N, C-alpha and C. Protein backbone atom coordinates (compact mmCIF):
# COMPACT_ATOMS: atom_id res chain seq x y z
N MET A 1 25.58 17.35 1.52
CA MET A 1 24.27 17.73 1.01
C MET A 1 23.97 16.96 -0.28
N GLY A 2 24.96 16.78 -1.12
CA GLY A 2 24.76 16.05 -2.36
C GLY A 2 24.32 14.62 -2.10
N LEU A 3 24.89 14.00 -1.06
CA LEU A 3 24.54 12.62 -0.73
C LEU A 3 23.09 12.52 -0.29
N SER A 4 22.64 13.46 0.55
CA SER A 4 21.26 13.40 1.02
C SER A 4 20.28 13.60 -0.14
N LEU A 5 20.63 14.46 -1.08
CA LEU A 5 19.77 14.64 -2.25
C LEU A 5 19.75 13.37 -3.10
N LYS A 6 20.89 12.70 -3.20
CA LYS A 6 20.95 11.46 -3.95
C LYS A 6 20.08 10.40 -3.29
N LEU A 7 20.16 10.30 -1.94
CA LEU A 7 19.34 9.33 -1.23
C LEU A 7 17.86 9.65 -1.38
N LEU A 8 17.54 10.92 -1.32
CA LEU A 8 16.15 11.33 -1.52
C LEU A 8 15.69 10.95 -2.91
N GLY A 9 16.55 11.14 -3.90
CA GLY A 9 16.23 10.76 -5.26
C GLY A 9 16.04 9.26 -5.38
N ASP A 10 16.85 8.47 -4.68
CA ASP A 10 16.71 7.01 -4.71
C ASP A 10 15.37 6.59 -4.13
N ASP A 11 14.97 7.21 -3.01
CA ASP A 11 13.69 6.88 -2.41
C ASP A 11 12.55 7.24 -3.34
N SER A 12 12.65 8.39 -4.00
CA SER A 12 11.63 8.80 -4.95
C SER A 12 11.55 7.82 -6.11
N TYR A 13 12.71 7.38 -6.57
CA TYR A 13 12.77 6.42 -7.67
C TYR A 13 12.13 5.10 -7.26
N LYS A 14 12.42 4.64 -6.03
CA LYS A 14 11.82 3.40 -5.54
C LYS A 14 10.31 3.53 -5.42
N LEU A 15 9.85 4.66 -4.93
CA LEU A 15 8.41 4.89 -4.81
C LEU A 15 7.76 4.87 -6.18
N ASP A 16 8.39 5.51 -7.15
CA ASP A 16 7.88 5.50 -8.52
C ASP A 16 7.80 4.08 -9.06
N LEU A 17 8.83 3.29 -8.78
CA LEU A 17 8.83 1.89 -9.24
C LEU A 17 7.71 1.09 -8.58
N PHE A 18 7.50 1.29 -7.28
CA PHE A 18 6.42 0.59 -6.60
C PHE A 18 5.06 0.98 -7.17
N GLN A 19 4.88 2.27 -7.43
CA GLN A 19 3.62 2.73 -7.98
C GLN A 19 3.39 2.17 -9.38
N LEU A 20 4.44 2.14 -10.19
CA LEU A 20 4.33 1.57 -11.53
C LEU A 20 4.01 0.08 -11.45
N ARG A 21 4.67 -0.61 -10.56
CA ARG A 21 4.42 -2.05 -10.38
C ARG A 21 2.97 -2.29 -9.97
N ASP A 22 2.47 -1.50 -9.01
CA ASP A 22 1.08 -1.65 -8.57
C ASP A 22 0.11 -1.38 -9.71
N PHE A 23 0.38 -0.32 -10.48
CA PHE A 23 -0.48 -0.01 -11.62
C PHE A 23 -0.49 -1.16 -12.61
N LEU A 24 0.69 -1.68 -12.93
CA LEU A 24 0.76 -2.77 -13.91
C LEU A 24 0.07 -4.03 -13.40
N LEU A 25 0.17 -4.30 -12.11
CA LEU A 25 -0.53 -5.46 -11.55
C LEU A 25 -2.04 -5.30 -11.69
N VAL A 26 -2.55 -4.11 -11.37
CA VAL A 26 -3.99 -3.85 -11.50
C VAL A 26 -4.41 -3.94 -12.96
N TYR A 27 -3.64 -3.33 -13.84
CA TYR A 27 -3.96 -3.34 -15.27
C TYR A 27 -3.95 -4.77 -15.81
N ASN A 28 -2.93 -5.54 -15.47
CA ASN A 28 -2.85 -6.92 -15.96
C ASN A 28 -3.99 -7.78 -15.42
N ARG A 29 -4.32 -7.57 -14.18
CA ARG A 29 -5.44 -8.33 -13.58
C ARG A 29 -6.76 -7.96 -14.27
N MET A 30 -6.97 -6.67 -14.50
CA MET A 30 -8.18 -6.22 -15.18
C MET A 30 -8.26 -6.81 -16.58
N THR A 31 -7.15 -6.80 -17.29
CA THR A 31 -7.10 -7.35 -18.64
C THR A 31 -7.45 -8.83 -18.63
N GLU A 32 -6.89 -9.55 -17.70
CA GLU A 32 -7.14 -10.98 -17.58
C GLU A 32 -8.61 -11.28 -17.28
N ILE A 33 -9.17 -10.54 -16.34
CA ILE A 33 -10.58 -10.75 -15.97
C ILE A 33 -11.49 -10.46 -17.14
N CYS A 34 -11.31 -9.32 -17.78
CA CYS A 34 -12.19 -8.95 -18.89
C CYS A 34 -12.00 -9.87 -20.09
N PHE A 35 -10.79 -10.32 -20.34
CA PHE A 35 -10.56 -11.26 -21.44
C PHE A 35 -11.32 -12.56 -21.18
N GLN A 36 -11.21 -13.08 -19.97
CA GLN A 36 -11.89 -14.33 -19.64
C GLN A 36 -13.41 -14.19 -19.71
N ARG A 37 -13.93 -13.06 -19.28
CA ARG A 37 -15.38 -12.85 -19.26
C ARG A 37 -15.95 -12.59 -20.66
N CYS A 38 -15.19 -11.90 -21.50
CA CYS A 38 -15.80 -11.32 -22.68
C CYS A 38 -15.43 -11.98 -24.01
N THR A 39 -14.31 -12.62 -24.08
CA THR A 39 -13.94 -13.19 -25.38
C THR A 39 -14.43 -14.62 -25.49
N SER A 40 -15.12 -14.88 -26.55
CA SER A 40 -15.67 -16.22 -26.74
C SER A 40 -15.44 -16.73 -28.16
N ASN A 41 -15.22 -15.83 -29.10
CA ASN A 41 -15.08 -16.21 -30.49
C ASN A 41 -13.66 -15.90 -30.96
N PHE A 42 -12.88 -16.96 -31.19
CA PHE A 42 -11.49 -16.79 -31.61
C PHE A 42 -11.31 -17.01 -33.11
N ASN A 43 -12.42 -16.95 -33.85
CA ASN A 43 -12.35 -17.16 -35.29
C ASN A 43 -11.93 -15.91 -36.06
N TYR A 44 -12.00 -14.76 -35.40
CA TYR A 44 -11.72 -13.50 -36.09
C TYR A 44 -10.62 -12.75 -35.35
N ARG A 45 -9.94 -11.92 -36.09
CA ARG A 45 -8.87 -11.11 -35.51
C ARG A 45 -9.44 -10.01 -34.61
N ASN A 46 -10.56 -9.42 -35.02
CA ASN A 46 -11.18 -8.32 -34.27
C ASN A 46 -12.27 -8.84 -33.35
N LEU A 47 -12.57 -8.03 -32.35
CA LEU A 47 -13.66 -8.38 -31.44
C LEU A 47 -15.00 -8.21 -32.13
N THR A 48 -15.96 -9.03 -31.73
CA THR A 48 -17.32 -8.82 -32.21
C THR A 48 -17.90 -7.63 -31.46
N MET A 49 -19.01 -7.13 -31.91
CA MET A 49 -19.65 -5.99 -31.24
C MET A 49 -20.02 -6.35 -29.80
N ASP A 50 -20.54 -7.55 -29.59
CA ASP A 50 -20.90 -7.98 -28.23
C ASP A 50 -19.66 -8.06 -27.33
N GLU A 51 -18.58 -8.60 -27.88
CA GLU A 51 -17.35 -8.70 -27.10
C GLU A 51 -16.81 -7.31 -26.76
N GLU A 52 -16.88 -6.42 -27.74
CA GLU A 52 -16.39 -5.06 -27.51
C GLU A 52 -17.20 -4.35 -26.44
N ARG A 53 -18.53 -4.49 -26.48
CA ARG A 53 -19.39 -3.89 -25.45
C ARG A 53 -19.07 -4.49 -24.08
N CYS A 54 -18.89 -5.80 -24.05
CA CYS A 54 -18.58 -6.48 -22.80
C CYS A 54 -17.26 -5.98 -22.22
N VAL A 55 -16.24 -5.85 -23.06
CA VAL A 55 -14.94 -5.38 -22.60
C VAL A 55 -15.05 -3.94 -22.09
N ASP A 56 -15.76 -3.09 -22.80
CA ASP A 56 -15.94 -1.70 -22.35
C ASP A 56 -16.62 -1.66 -20.99
N SER A 57 -17.68 -2.45 -20.85
CA SER A 57 -18.43 -2.49 -19.60
C SER A 57 -17.58 -3.05 -18.47
N CYS A 58 -16.89 -4.15 -18.75
CA CYS A 58 -16.05 -4.81 -17.75
C CYS A 58 -14.93 -3.88 -17.28
N ALA A 59 -14.21 -3.29 -18.21
CA ALA A 59 -13.09 -2.40 -17.86
C ALA A 59 -13.61 -1.18 -17.09
N GLY A 60 -14.72 -0.61 -17.55
CA GLY A 60 -15.29 0.55 -16.87
C GLY A 60 -15.68 0.22 -15.44
N LYS A 61 -16.29 -0.93 -15.26
CA LYS A 61 -16.72 -1.35 -13.92
C LYS A 61 -15.50 -1.55 -13.00
N LEU A 62 -14.48 -2.21 -13.51
CA LEU A 62 -13.29 -2.44 -12.69
C LEU A 62 -12.56 -1.14 -12.38
N ILE A 63 -12.52 -0.22 -13.34
CA ILE A 63 -11.86 1.07 -13.10
C ILE A 63 -12.63 1.87 -12.06
N ARG A 64 -13.96 1.90 -12.17
CA ARG A 64 -14.76 2.62 -11.17
C ARG A 64 -14.59 1.99 -9.78
N THR A 65 -14.56 0.68 -9.73
CA THR A 65 -14.36 -0.01 -8.45
C THR A 65 -13.01 0.34 -7.86
N ASN A 66 -11.99 0.34 -8.70
CA ASN A 66 -10.65 0.69 -8.23
C ASN A 66 -10.60 2.13 -7.71
N HIS A 67 -11.27 3.03 -8.40
CA HIS A 67 -11.30 4.43 -7.95
C HIS A 67 -11.99 4.55 -6.59
N ARG A 68 -13.08 3.82 -6.42
CA ARG A 68 -13.79 3.86 -5.13
C ARG A 68 -12.92 3.29 -4.02
N LEU A 69 -12.25 2.18 -4.30
CA LEU A 69 -11.37 1.59 -3.30
C LEU A 69 -10.25 2.54 -2.92
N MET A 70 -9.66 3.18 -3.92
CA MET A 70 -8.57 4.11 -3.65
C MET A 70 -9.07 5.33 -2.87
N GLY A 71 -10.27 5.80 -3.18
CA GLY A 71 -10.85 6.91 -2.43
C GLY A 71 -11.05 6.55 -0.97
N THR A 72 -11.54 5.35 -0.72
CA THR A 72 -11.73 4.87 0.65
C THR A 72 -10.39 4.74 1.35
N TYR A 73 -9.41 4.20 0.63
CA TYR A 73 -8.07 4.05 1.19
C TYR A 73 -7.49 5.41 1.58
N VAL A 74 -7.63 6.38 0.72
CA VAL A 74 -7.10 7.72 0.99
C VAL A 74 -7.78 8.33 2.22
N GLN A 75 -9.08 8.06 2.39
CA GLN A 75 -9.79 8.58 3.56
C GLN A 75 -9.37 7.88 4.84
N LEU A 76 -9.17 6.57 4.78
CA LEU A 76 -8.87 5.80 5.98
C LEU A 76 -7.40 5.83 6.38
N MET A 77 -6.53 6.03 5.43
CA MET A 77 -5.09 5.95 5.71
C MET A 77 -4.63 6.91 6.80
N PRO A 78 -5.03 8.18 6.82
CA PRO A 78 -4.57 9.06 7.90
C PRO A 78 -4.97 8.55 9.28
N ARG A 79 -6.18 8.00 9.40
CA ARG A 79 -6.61 7.45 10.69
C ARG A 79 -5.77 6.24 11.08
N MET A 80 -5.48 5.39 10.11
CA MET A 80 -4.67 4.20 10.38
C MET A 80 -3.26 4.61 10.81
N VAL A 81 -2.69 5.60 10.15
CA VAL A 81 -1.35 6.07 10.50
C VAL A 81 -1.37 6.67 11.89
N GLN A 82 -2.39 7.46 12.19
CA GLN A 82 -2.51 8.08 13.52
C GLN A 82 -2.61 7.02 14.60
N ARG A 83 -3.43 6.01 14.37
CA ARG A 83 -3.59 4.93 15.34
C ARG A 83 -2.27 4.19 15.54
N ARG A 84 -1.57 3.92 14.46
CA ARG A 84 -0.29 3.22 14.57
C ARG A 84 0.73 4.07 15.33
N MET A 85 0.74 5.37 15.07
CA MET A 85 1.66 6.26 15.79
C MET A 85 1.35 6.25 17.29
N GLU A 86 0.07 6.30 17.64
CA GLU A 86 -0.31 6.26 19.05
C GLU A 86 0.13 4.95 19.70
N GLU A 87 -0.04 3.83 18.99
CA GLU A 87 0.40 2.54 19.51
C GLU A 87 1.91 2.52 19.72
N MET A 88 2.64 3.03 18.75
CA MET A 88 4.10 3.05 18.86
C MET A 88 4.55 3.95 20.02
N GLU A 89 3.88 5.09 20.19
CA GLU A 89 4.23 5.99 21.29
C GLU A 89 3.94 5.35 22.63
N SER A 90 2.82 4.64 22.75
CA SER A 90 2.51 3.99 24.02
C SER A 90 3.48 2.86 24.31
N LYS A 91 3.87 2.10 23.28
CA LYS A 91 4.86 1.04 23.48
C LYS A 91 6.21 1.63 23.87
N ALA A 92 6.58 2.73 23.26
CA ALA A 92 7.84 3.39 23.60
C ALA A 92 7.80 3.89 25.04
N ALA A 93 6.67 4.43 25.47
CA ALA A 93 6.53 4.90 26.85
C ALA A 93 6.61 3.73 27.82
N GLU A 94 5.99 2.61 27.48
CA GLU A 94 6.07 1.42 28.33
C GLU A 94 7.50 0.92 28.43
N MET A 95 8.20 0.90 27.31
CA MET A 95 9.59 0.44 27.31
C MET A 95 10.46 1.38 28.13
N ALA A 96 10.20 2.68 28.03
CA ALA A 96 10.97 3.65 28.80
C ALA A 96 10.74 3.44 30.29
N LYS A 97 9.48 3.18 30.68
CA LYS A 97 9.18 2.93 32.09
C LYS A 97 9.86 1.66 32.57
N ALA A 98 9.81 0.62 31.74
CA ALA A 98 10.45 -0.64 32.11
C ALA A 98 11.96 -0.47 32.25
N THR A 99 12.57 0.26 31.35
CA THR A 99 14.01 0.51 31.40
C THR A 99 14.35 1.33 32.64
N GLU A 100 13.51 2.32 32.92
CA GLU A 100 13.73 3.17 34.10
C GLU A 100 13.60 2.35 35.38
N ALA A 101 12.59 1.49 35.43
CA ALA A 101 12.39 0.65 36.61
C ALA A 101 13.56 -0.33 36.78
N ALA A 102 14.04 -0.88 35.66
CA ALA A 102 15.16 -1.82 35.73
C ALA A 102 16.42 -1.11 36.20
N SER A 103 16.67 0.07 35.69
CA SER A 103 17.87 0.80 36.11
C SER A 103 17.75 1.25 37.56
N ALA A 104 16.54 1.58 38.01
CA ALA A 104 16.33 1.97 39.41
C ALA A 104 16.56 0.78 40.33
N SER A 105 16.12 -0.40 39.94
CA SER A 105 16.32 -1.58 40.79
C SER A 105 17.79 -1.97 40.81
N GLU A 106 18.51 -1.77 39.71
CA GLU A 106 19.94 -2.05 39.70
C GLU A 106 20.69 -1.07 40.61
N THR A 107 20.24 0.18 40.60
CA THR A 107 20.87 1.19 41.42
C THR A 107 20.66 0.88 42.90
N ILE A 108 19.46 0.43 43.26
CA ILE A 108 19.16 0.08 44.64
C ILE A 108 19.97 -1.14 45.05
N GLY A 109 20.10 -2.12 44.16
CA GLY A 109 20.84 -3.33 44.47
C GLY A 109 22.33 -3.11 44.59
N THR A 110 22.87 -2.09 43.97
CA THR A 110 24.32 -1.82 44.02
C THR A 110 24.68 -0.70 44.98
N ALA A 111 23.71 -0.22 45.73
CA ALA A 111 23.99 0.86 46.68
C ALA A 111 24.89 0.33 47.82
N PRO A 112 25.88 1.13 48.27
CA PRO A 112 26.76 0.69 49.36
C PRO A 112 26.00 0.57 50.68
N ALA A 113 26.39 -0.38 51.50
CA ALA A 113 25.71 -0.63 52.77
C ALA A 113 26.23 0.20 53.89
């Protein structure tokens, strides 16, 4: 029982790492896009008011877009999983029929005369 809990913990840890990696990729990409779009004056340490407004707008737009995409993904994912399960079940049924037919033909071929 301890081993199965450890394996479950490992899977949870891997999932957490994948989610963190995905978040960091999105965050880094958003930062890169907004930096390229909005920063134009490198003479000062702080952003100008225009740059700050641009960054706020850019980040907000990308975050809203990401939320919409994730909402769509969450809605579509159960259907995609269901479709994939049906495909796998039909392939398994076909393979079972083919195996059954092959074993039946072998049985007929090895029957005593």
